[in-house]
C-alpha cells in the first residue's frame, strides 16, 4: 500500500491520474477473468463454447 501513499502525497499528479484511470479497468479485467476461470472450473464445455463465440 506504500505506493498509493507515494502517488497521492508526493505530488505526482499525472501518475495519480493515470492510476485512477487504469486501476478500475485492471480490476474490471481481473474480475471478468476470475468469473471466466470460475465458469471454466465448473464446466469446461461452457468455457470452450464461450471462447469460440467471443473470438
C-alpha atoms as a PDB file:
ATOM      1  CA  UNK A   1       0.000   0.000   0.000  1.00  0.00           C
ATOM      2  CA  UNK A   2       3.040   2.273   0.238  1.00  0.00           C
ATOM      3  CA  UNK A   3       2.920   3.104  -3.474  1.00  0.00           C
ATOM      4  CA  UNK A   4      -0.595   4.535  -3.012  1.00  0.00           C
ATOM      5  CA  UNK A   5       0.696   6.981  -0.416  1.00  0.00           C
ATOM      6  CA  UNK A   6       3.619   7.877  -2.682  1.00  0.00           C
ATOM      7  CA  UNK A   7       1.316   8.615  -5.617  1.00  0.00           C
ATOM      8  CA  UNK A   8      -1.093  10.752  -3.633  1.00  0.00           C
ATOM      9  CA  UNK A   9       1.343  12.632  -1.408  1.00  0.00           C
ATOM     10  CA  UNK A  10       4.491  13.031  -3.490  1.00  0.00           C
ATOM     11  CA  UNK A  11       2.652  15.345  -5.904  1.00  0.00           C
ATOM     12  CA  UNK A  12       2.952  13.123  -8.961  1.00  0.00           C
ATOM     13  CA  UNK A  13      -0.461  14.091 -10.263  1.00  0.00           C
ATOM     14  CA  UNK A  14      -0.100  12.781 -13.807  1.00  0.00           C
ATOM     15  CA  UNK A  15       0.793   9.321 -12.488  1.00  0.00           C
ATOM     16  CA  UNK A  16      -2.018   9.544  -9.930  1.00  0.00           C
ATOM     17  CA  UNK A  17      -4.495  10.384 -12.670  1.00  0.00           C
ATOM     18  CA  UNK A  18      -3.124   7.527 -14.758  1.00  0.00           C
ATOM     19  CA  UNK A  19      -3.552   5.134 -11.851  1.00  0.00           C
ATOM     20  CA  UNK A  20      -7.096   6.351 -11.174  1.00  0.00           C
ATOM     21  CA  UNK A  21      -7.973   5.613 -14.797  1.00  0.00           C
ATOM     22  CA  UNK A  22      -6.017   2.362 -15.051  1.00  0.00           C
ATOM     23  CA  UNK A  23      -6.927   0.800 -11.700  1.00  0.00           C
ATOM     24  CA  UNK A  24     -10.684   0.318 -12.316  1.00  0.00           C
ATOM     25  CA  UNK A  25     -10.046  -1.174 -15.745  1.00  0.00           C
ATOM     26  CA  UNK A  26      -7.472  -3.559 -14.240  1.00  0.00           C
ATOM     27  CA  UNK A  27      -9.999  -4.537 -11.578  1.00  0.00           C
ATOM     28  CA  UNK A  28     -12.642  -4.998 -14.240  1.00  0.00           C
ATOM     29  CA  UNK A  29     -10.302  -7.155 -16.327  1.00  0.00           C
ATOM     30  CA  UNK A  30      -9.316  -9.362 -13.393  1.00  0.00           C
ATOM     31  CA  UNK A  31     -12.906  -9.526 -12.217  1.00  0.00           C
ATOM     32  CA  UNK A  32     -14.129 -10.828 -15.566  1.00  0.00           C
ATOM     33  CA  UNK A  33     -11.127 -13.148 -15.787  1.00  0.00           C
ATOM     34  CA  UNK A  34     -11.973 -14.627 -12.376  1.00  0.00           C
ATOM     35  CA  UNK A  35     -15.563 -15.198 -13.457  1.00  0.00           C
ATOM     36  CA  UNK A  36     -14.313 -16.852 -16.654  1.00  0.00           C
ATOM     37  CA  UNK A  37     -11.964 -19.046 -14.631  1.00  0.00           C
ATOM     38  CA  UNK A  38     -14.768 -19.983 -12.220  1.00  0.00           C
ATOM     39  CA  UNK A  39     -17.049 -20.897 -15.127  1.00  0.00           C
ATOM     40  CA  UNK A  40     -14.277 -22.931 -16.718  1.00  0.00           C
ATOM     41  CA  UNK A  41     -13.747 -24.866 -13.497  1.00  0.00           C
ATOM     42  CA  UNK A  42     -17.469 -25.561 -13.216  1.00  0.00           C
ATOM     43  CA  UNK A  43     -17.942 -26.685 -16.805  1.00  0.00           C
ATOM     44  CA  UNK A  44     -15.086 -26.657 -19.349  1.00  0.00           C
ATOM     45  CA  UNK A  45     -17.513 -27.159 -22.239  1.00  0.00           C
ATOM     46  CA  UNK A  46     -19.331 -23.895 -21.472  1.00  0.00           C
ATOM     47  CA  UNK A  47     -15.967 -22.167 -21.341  1.00  0.00           C
ATOM     48  CA  UNK A  48     -14.835 -23.541 -24.687  1.00  0.00           C
ATOM     49  CA  UNK A  49     -18.086 -22.561 -26.366  1.00  0.00           C
ATOM     50  CA  UNK A  50     -17.881 -19.079 -24.822  1.00  0.00           C
ATOM     51  CA  UNK A  51     -14.349 -18.586 -26.091  1.00  0.00           C
ATOM     52  CA  UNK A  52     -15.222 -19.762 -29.599  1.00  0.00           C
ATOM     53  CA  UNK A  53     -18.180 -17.387 -29.729  1.00  0.00           C
ATOM     54  CA  UNK A  54     -16.131 -14.495 -28.314  1.00  0.00           C
ATOM     55  CA  UNK A  55     -13.254 -14.764 -30.816  1.00  0.00           C
END
